[in-house]
């Protein structure tokens, strides 16, 4: 005799059969086994594939590929405010679910999944299970990214260092060559910086350098790059910017540094900067462009400081 179930008079016989039928229970058990099998296979593949790289974007791309194959995900968005990371893979759709990625000690950002159809409970459980495979490789990728960034950053000012500048120049020259976009270099030098160190001390000089870098960053685009070239000298790389536009950017930087308020231990320190501007002509070596920007800087210094100067050359 098969399993039975009592029902109240309000329940029809079909409802009782639906609850008690051995065949239906068998299908449900088989569906549960299938879901577990899918979850185990997905977790196994993710565990293996996510260990193959420490690149954050590659990890998220692999994760997206695997989850998309199982659930037809349209897009993934990853954000980490502290690290200023925003990555989008695929496209955003109507329905989404979001998670904060935490370990015992670390916050590892937020991730969102979206698609055209609403997620059901089984699918949400599958996503949450796969996130367990992602969070630790992702934490390692973030640590690796931080280490790389530190190796390319001037520790005092947060500007890029010479290695970062060389890497950026190589990339921008490739863009220049492919798209025929202009590329300009600014060399900025803080005026009478030795006098600031002598009058107020080296701690004050460090304070001035950091404030000047912050001020310069506010005057340029997010895509523009600033590097510490040495001492109180900085290089600013302006992609897709010709000589005239770059001279306007240089003047904006100069004006904002002149007007910034820089206080140290109760004293206000007056700070100005001189800036030389040059544009890569497409034929020369990039070091020649740097040299022309440096010559323009020397002209600005010679003509009284706290000004900009440009130096053209025939293409």
Protein backbone atom coordinates (compact mmCIF):
# COMPACT_ATOMS: atom_id res chain seq x y z
CA UNK A 1 0.00 0.00 0.00
CA UNK A 2 1.44 3.35 -1.02
CA UNK A 3 1.88 6.43 1.17
CA UNK A 4 -1.27 8.28 2.14
CA UNK A 5 -2.08 11.72 3.49
CA UNK A 6 -5.05 13.02 5.36
CA UNK A 7 -6.77 16.05 3.93
CA UNK A 8 -9.47 18.34 5.13
CA UNK A 9 -12.73 18.56 3.29
CA UNK A 10 -11.57 21.82 1.75
CA UNK A 11 -8.88 20.00 -0.25
CA UNK A 12 -9.83 18.23 -3.43
CA UNK A 13 -8.66 14.73 -4.25
CA UNK A 14 -6.24 16.05 -6.86
CA UNK A 15 -4.48 18.02 -4.16
CA UNK A 16 -4.08 14.91 -2.05
CA UNK A 17 -2.63 12.98 -4.97
CA UNK A 18 -0.26 15.78 -5.75
CA UNK A 19 1.01 15.61 -2.20
CA UNK A 20 1.24 11.81 -1.93
CA UNK A 21 1.94 10.40 -5.39
CA UNK A 22 5.15 8.34 -5.31
CA UNK A 23 5.88 9.19 -8.97
CA UNK A 24 5.77 12.95 -8.21
CA UNK A 25 8.03 12.53 -5.20
CA UNK A 26 10.44 10.60 -7.35
CA UNK A 27 10.58 13.42 -9.87
CA UNK A 28 11.15 15.92 -7.07
CA UNK A 29 13.98 13.82 -5.65
CA UNK A 30 15.51 13.50 -9.10
CA UNK A 31 15.26 17.27 -9.62
CA UNK A 32 17.00 17.81 -6.27
CA UNK A 33 19.77 15.41 -7.29
CA UNK A 34 20.15 17.23 -10.60
CA UNK A 35 20.44 20.58 -8.85
CA UNK A 36 23.07 19.21 -6.48
CA UNK A 37 24.95 17.69 -9.38
CA UNK A 38 24.89 20.99 -11.28
CA UNK A 39 26.06 22.88 -8.20
CA UNK A 40 28.89 20.41 -7.52
CA UNK A 41 30.07 20.48 -11.14
CA UNK A 42 29.92 24.27 -11.28
CA UNK A 43 31.80 24.65 -8.01
CA UNK A 44 34.44 22.19 -9.14
CA UNK A 45 35.02 24.02 -12.42
CA UNK A 46 35.12 27.41 -10.71
CA UNK A 47 37.54 26.20 -8.05
CA UNK A 48 39.88 24.97 -10.78
CA UNK A 49 39.59 27.91 -13.20
CA UNK A 50 39.74 30.76 -10.68
CA UNK A 51 43.11 29.53 -9.44
CA UNK A 52 44.67 30.06 -12.88
CA UNK A 53 45.02 33.86 -12.65
CA UNK A 54 45.55 36.71 -10.20
CA UNK A 55 44.12 39.26 -12.60
CA UNK A 56 40.89 40.64 -11.15
CA UNK A 57 39.12 41.22 -14.46
CA UNK A 58 40.08 37.78 -15.78
CA UNK A 59 38.74 36.14 -12.63
CA UNK A 60 35.42 37.92 -12.97
CA UNK A 61 35.28 37.04 -16.66
CA UNK A 62 35.81 33.33 -15.90
CA UNK A 63 33.18 33.51 -13.16
CA UNK A 64 30.73 35.17 -15.57
CA UNK A 65 31.33 32.52 -18.24
CA UNK A 66 30.63 29.65 -15.85
CA UNK A 67 27.57 31.21 -14.22
CA UNK A 68 26.17 32.27 -17.58
CA UNK A 69 26.41 28.70 -18.86
CA UNK A 70 24.35 27.50 -15.88
CA UNK A 71 21.83 30.32 -15.40
CA UNK A 72 21.86 32.47 -18.56
CA UNK A 73 23.11 35.54 -16.70
CA UNK A 74 23.02 38.68 -18.85
CA UNK A 75 25.54 40.71 -16.90
CA UNK A 76 27.75 41.08 -13.85
CA UNK A 77 28.72 44.35 -12.17
CA UNK A 78 31.55 44.51 -9.64
CA UNK A 79 32.32 47.54 -7.47
CA UNK A 80 34.92 48.28 -4.80
CA UNK A 81 34.69 51.88 -3.60
CA UNK A 82 37.88 51.88 -1.53
CA UNK A 83 39.94 50.57 -4.45
CA UNK A 84 38.06 52.73 -7.01
CA UNK A 85 37.12 49.67 -9.08
CA UNK A 86 34.02 49.46 -11.27
CA UNK A 87 33.80 46.60 -13.76
CA UNK A 88 30.86 45.56 -15.93
CA UNK A 89 30.71 42.33 -17.93
CA UNK A 90 27.80 41.69 -20.28
CA UNK A 91 24.81 43.99 -20.02
CA UNK A 92 22.43 45.16 -17.32
CA UNK A 93 18.90 43.71 -17.42
CA UNK A 94 15.60 44.18 -15.61
CA UNK A 95 16.04 41.75 -12.70
CA UNK A 96 19.07 41.67 -10.43
CA UNK A 97 20.46 40.40 -7.16
CA UNK A 98 23.42 41.88 -5.26
CA UNK A 99 25.88 40.64 -2.63
CA UNK A 100 28.59 42.14 -0.43
CA UNK A 101 31.67 39.90 -0.49
CA UNK A 102 33.16 39.43 2.97
CA UNK A 103 35.74 37.22 4.61
CA UNK A 104 36.55 37.12 8.32
CA UNK A 105 38.71 40.26 8.07
CA UNK A 106 38.23 41.77 4.62
CA UNK A 107 35.62 43.54 2.55
CA UNK A 108 36.11 42.43 -1.04
CA UNK A 109 33.61 44.60 -2.87
CA UNK A 110 30.05 44.17 -4.11
CA UNK A 111 28.80 42.09 -7.01
CA UNK A 112 25.47 42.19 -8.85
CA UNK A 113 23.93 39.74 -11.31
CA UNK A 114 21.18 40.63 -13.76
CA UNK A 115 19.06 39.02 -16.45
CA UNK A 116 15.70 39.44 -18.16
CA UNK A 117 13.90 36.78 -16.07
CA UNK A 118 13.45 36.95 -12.32
CA UNK A 119 15.73 34.67 -10.28
CA UNK A 120 13.97 31.89 -8.36
CA UNK A 121 15.03 30.58 -4.96
CA UNK A 122 16.96 27.61 -6.35
CA UNK A 123 18.92 29.89 -8.68
CA UNK A 124 19.71 32.31 -5.86
CA UNK A 125 21.01 29.40 -3.77
CA UNK A 126 23.18 28.32 -6.69
CA UNK A 127 24.60 31.85 -7.05
CA UNK A 128 25.35 32.04 -3.33
CA UNK A 129 27.10 28.68 -3.45
CA UNK A 130 29.30 29.79 -6.36
CA UNK A 131 30.22 33.02 -4.56
CA UNK A 132 31.92 30.84 -1.97
CA UNK A 133 34.28 29.75 -4.74
CA UNK A 134 34.93 33.33 -5.84
CA UNK A 135 35.54 35.30 -2.68
CA UNK A 136 38.99 33.99 -1.69
CA UNK A 137 40.55 34.04 -5.18
CA UNK A 138 39.08 37.53 -5.53
CA UNK A 139 40.69 38.60 -2.26
CA UNK A 140 44.04 37.32 -3.52
CA UNK A 141 43.57 39.21 -6.79
CA UNK A 142 42.84 42.43 -4.89
CA UNK A 143 45.98 41.97 -2.78
CA UNK A 144 48.04 41.36 -5.92
CA UNK A 145 46.53 44.44 -7.58
CA UNK A 146 47.37 46.56 -4.53
CA UNK A 147 50.97 45.29 -4.54
CA UNK A 148 51.35 46.15 -8.24
CA UNK A 149 49.92 49.62 -7.69
CA UNK A 150 52.28 50.26 -4.78
CA UNK A 151 55.24 49.29 -6.94
CA UNK A 152 54.18 51.92 -9.50
CA UNK A 153 53.35 54.73 -7.07
CA UNK A 154 55.42 57.46 -5.46
CA UNK A 155 54.90 56.76 -1.73
CA UNK A 156 54.89 60.43 -0.70
CA UNK A 157 52.51 62.03 -3.18
CA UNK A 158 50.57 59.09 -4.58
CA UNK A 159 51.53 60.13 -8.10
CA UNK A 160 52.86 57.51 -10.49
CA UNK A 161 56.59 56.85 -10.40
CA UNK A 162 59.09 56.70 -13.29
CA UNK A 163 58.32 53.04 -14.03
CA UNK A 164 54.60 53.79 -14.23
CA UNK A 165 55.35 56.75 -16.51
CA UNK A 166 57.43 54.64 -18.90
CA UNK A 167 54.64 52.03 -19.06
CA UNK A 168 52.00 54.67 -19.68
CA UNK A 169 54.03 56.33 -22.41
CA UNK A 170 54.39 53.02 -24.25
CA UNK A 171 50.63 52.44 -24.09
CA UNK A 172 49.75 55.98 -25.18
CA UNK A 173 52.19 55.87 -28.09
CA UNK A 174 50.47 52.71 -29.33
CA UNK A 175 47.09 54.46 -29.11
CA UNK A 176 48.60 57.44 -30.90
CA UNK A 177 49.88 55.24 -33.69
CA UNK A 178 46.59 53.39 -34.18
CA UNK A 179 44.11 56.25 -33.87
CA UNK A 180 46.24 59.23 -34.95
CA UNK A 181 45.17 61.08 -31.80
CA UNK A 182 47.47 63.80 -30.40
CA UNK A 183 49.49 63.26 -27.25
CA UNK A 184 50.89 66.06 -25.09
CA UNK A 185 53.31 66.21 -22.17
CA UNK A 186 53.43 68.78 -19.41
CA UNK A 187 56.45 69.15 -17.13
CA UNK A 188 55.58 71.01 -13.94
CA UNK A 189 58.11 72.33 -11.44
CA UNK A 190 57.25 73.97 -8.11
CA UNK A 191 58.91 77.39 -7.95
CA UNK A 192 61.55 78.14 -5.27
CA UNK A 193 60.97 74.78 -3.63
CA UNK A 194 64.41 74.72 -2.01
CA UNK A 195 63.54 77.97 -0.29
CA UNK A 196 60.39 76.34 1.15
CA UNK A 197 62.47 73.49 2.55
CA UNK A 198 65.06 75.90 3.96
CA UNK A 199 62.47 78.23 5.53
CA UNK A 200 59.90 75.78 6.85
CA UNK A 201 61.70 72.42 6.96
CA UNK A 202 61.50 69.26 4.90
CA UNK A 203 58.25 68.12 6.50
CA UNK A 204 56.68 71.30 5.22
CA UNK A 205 58.16 70.62 1.80
CA UNK A 206 56.58 67.16 1.77
CA UNK A 207 53.28 68.72 2.79
CA UNK A 208 53.51 71.18 -0.11
CA UNK A 209 54.28 68.42 -2.62
CA UNK A 210 51.23 66.40 -1.59
CA UNK A 211 48.95 69.44 -1.75
CA UNK A 212 50.28 70.44 -5.15
CA UNK A 213 49.65 66.95 -6.55
CA UNK A 214 46.10 66.94 -5.16
CA UNK A 215 45.51 70.34 -6.69
CA UNK A 216 46.87 69.31 -10.08
CA UNK A 217 44.70 66.19 -10.09
CA UNK A 218 41.60 68.30 -9.59
CA UNK A 219 42.50 70.33 -12.69
CA UNK A 220 42.86 67.37 -15.10
CA UNK A 221 40.56 64.66 -16.42
CA UNK A 222 40.27 61.22 -14.85
CA UNK A 223 41.93 59.72 -17.93
CA UNK A 224 44.95 62.04 -17.68
CA UNK A 225 47.98 60.76 -15.77
CA UNK A 226 50.33 62.45 -13.34
CA UNK A 227 53.81 61.19 -12.44
CA UNK A 228 56.56 62.34 -10.12
CA UNK A 229 59.57 62.88 -12.35
CA UNK A 230 61.98 63.67 -9.53
CA UNK A 231 62.20 66.05 -6.57
CA UNK A 232 59.61 68.78 -7.10
CA UNK A 233 59.19 68.03 -10.81
CA UNK A 234 56.16 66.25 -12.27
CA UNK A 235 55.06 65.02 -15.70
CA UNK A 236 51.41 65.12 -16.77
CA UNK A 237 50.36 62.98 -19.72
CA UNK A 238 47.39 64.25 -21.74
CA UNK A 239 46.02 61.76 -24.25
CA UNK A 240 43.96 62.99 -27.22
CA UNK A 241 45.02 66.56 -26.47
CA UNK A 242 46.77 68.92 -28.88
CA UNK A 243 49.09 71.80 -28.03
CA UNK A 244 46.43 74.50 -27.72
CA UNK A 245 44.14 72.48 -25.48
CA UNK A 246 47.08 71.25 -23.40
CA UNK A 247 48.25 74.83 -22.85
CA UNK A 248 44.78 75.60 -21.47
CA UNK A 249 45.04 72.62 -19.10
CA UNK A 250 48.50 73.76 -18.00
CA UNK A 251 47.21 77.25 -17.27
CA UNK A 252 44.35 75.82 -15.24
CA UNK A 253 46.80 73.77 -13.16
CA UNK A 254 49.10 76.75 -12.67
CA UNK A 255 46.22 79.01 -11.60
CA UNK A 256 44.79 76.49 -9.14
CA UNK A 257 48.16 75.86 -7.50
CA UNK A 258 48.77 79.59 -7.15
CA UNK A 259 45.39 80.06 -5.47
CA UNK A 260 45.45 76.97 -3.24
CA UNK A 261 45.72 77.48 0.49
CA UNK A 262 48.59 75.46 1.92
CA UNK A 263 48.99 75.66 5.69
CA UNK A 264 51.64 73.93 7.77
CA UNK A 265 51.83 74.18 11.55
CA UNK A 266 49.79 77.37 11.56
CA UNK A 267 51.70 79.08 8.75
CA UNK A 268 50.48 79.66 5.23
CA UNK A 269 52.99 78.76 2.53
CA UNK A 270 52.75 80.47 -0.83
CA UNK A 271 53.19 77.99 -3.69
CA UNK A 272 53.45 78.57 -7.43
CA UNK A 273 54.44 76.39 -10.36
CA UNK A 274 55.99 76.76 -13.80
CA UNK A 275 54.89 74.41 -16.58
CA UNK A 276 56.35 73.50 -19.97
CA UNK A 277 54.10 72.06 -22.67
CA UNK A 278 54.99 70.01 -25.77
CA UNK A 279 53.02 67.78 -28.16
CA UNK A 280 54.32 64.56 -29.71
CA UNK A 281 54.59 65.07 -33.46
CA UNK A 282 54.24 61.44 -34.54
CA UNK A 283 57.76 61.07 -35.93
CA UNK A 284 60.15 61.86 -33.11
CA UNK A 285 61.21 59.69 -30.18
CA UNK A 286 59.09 60.37 -27.11
CA UNK A 287 62.25 61.44 -25.26
CA UNK A 288 62.52 64.30 -27.75
CA UNK A 289 59.01 65.40 -26.76
CA UNK A 290 60.03 65.28 -23.10
CA UNK A 291 63.12 67.32 -23.89
CA UNK A 292 61.03 69.98 -25.65
CA UNK A 293 58.65 70.14 -22.71
CA UNK A 294 61.68 70.56 -20.44
CA UNK A 295 63.02 73.36 -22.65
CA UNK A 296 59.63 75.06 -22.47
CA UNK A 297 59.74 74.73 -18.68
CA UNK A 298 63.18 76.35 -18.63
CA UNK A 299 61.76 79.24 -20.67
CA UNK A 300 58.92 79.70 -18.18
CA UNK A 301 61.44 79.77 -15.33
CA UNK A 302 63.70 82.21 -17.13
CA UNK A 303 60.82 84.57 -17.90
CA UNK A 304 59.84 84.94 -14.26
CA UNK A 305 58.27 81.65 -13.04
CA UNK A 306 54.62 81.06 -12.17
CA UNK A 307 53.73 80.78 -15.85
CA UNK A 308 53.41 78.30 -18.68
CA UNK A 309 55.39 78.03 -21.89
CA UNK A 310 54.88 75.94 -25.04
CA UNK A 311 57.42 74.75 -27.56
CA UNK A 312 56.34 73.79 -31.09
CA UNK A 313 58.28 71.81 -33.64
CA UNK A 314 57.75 71.01 -37.31
CA UNK A 315 56.06 67.65 -37.88
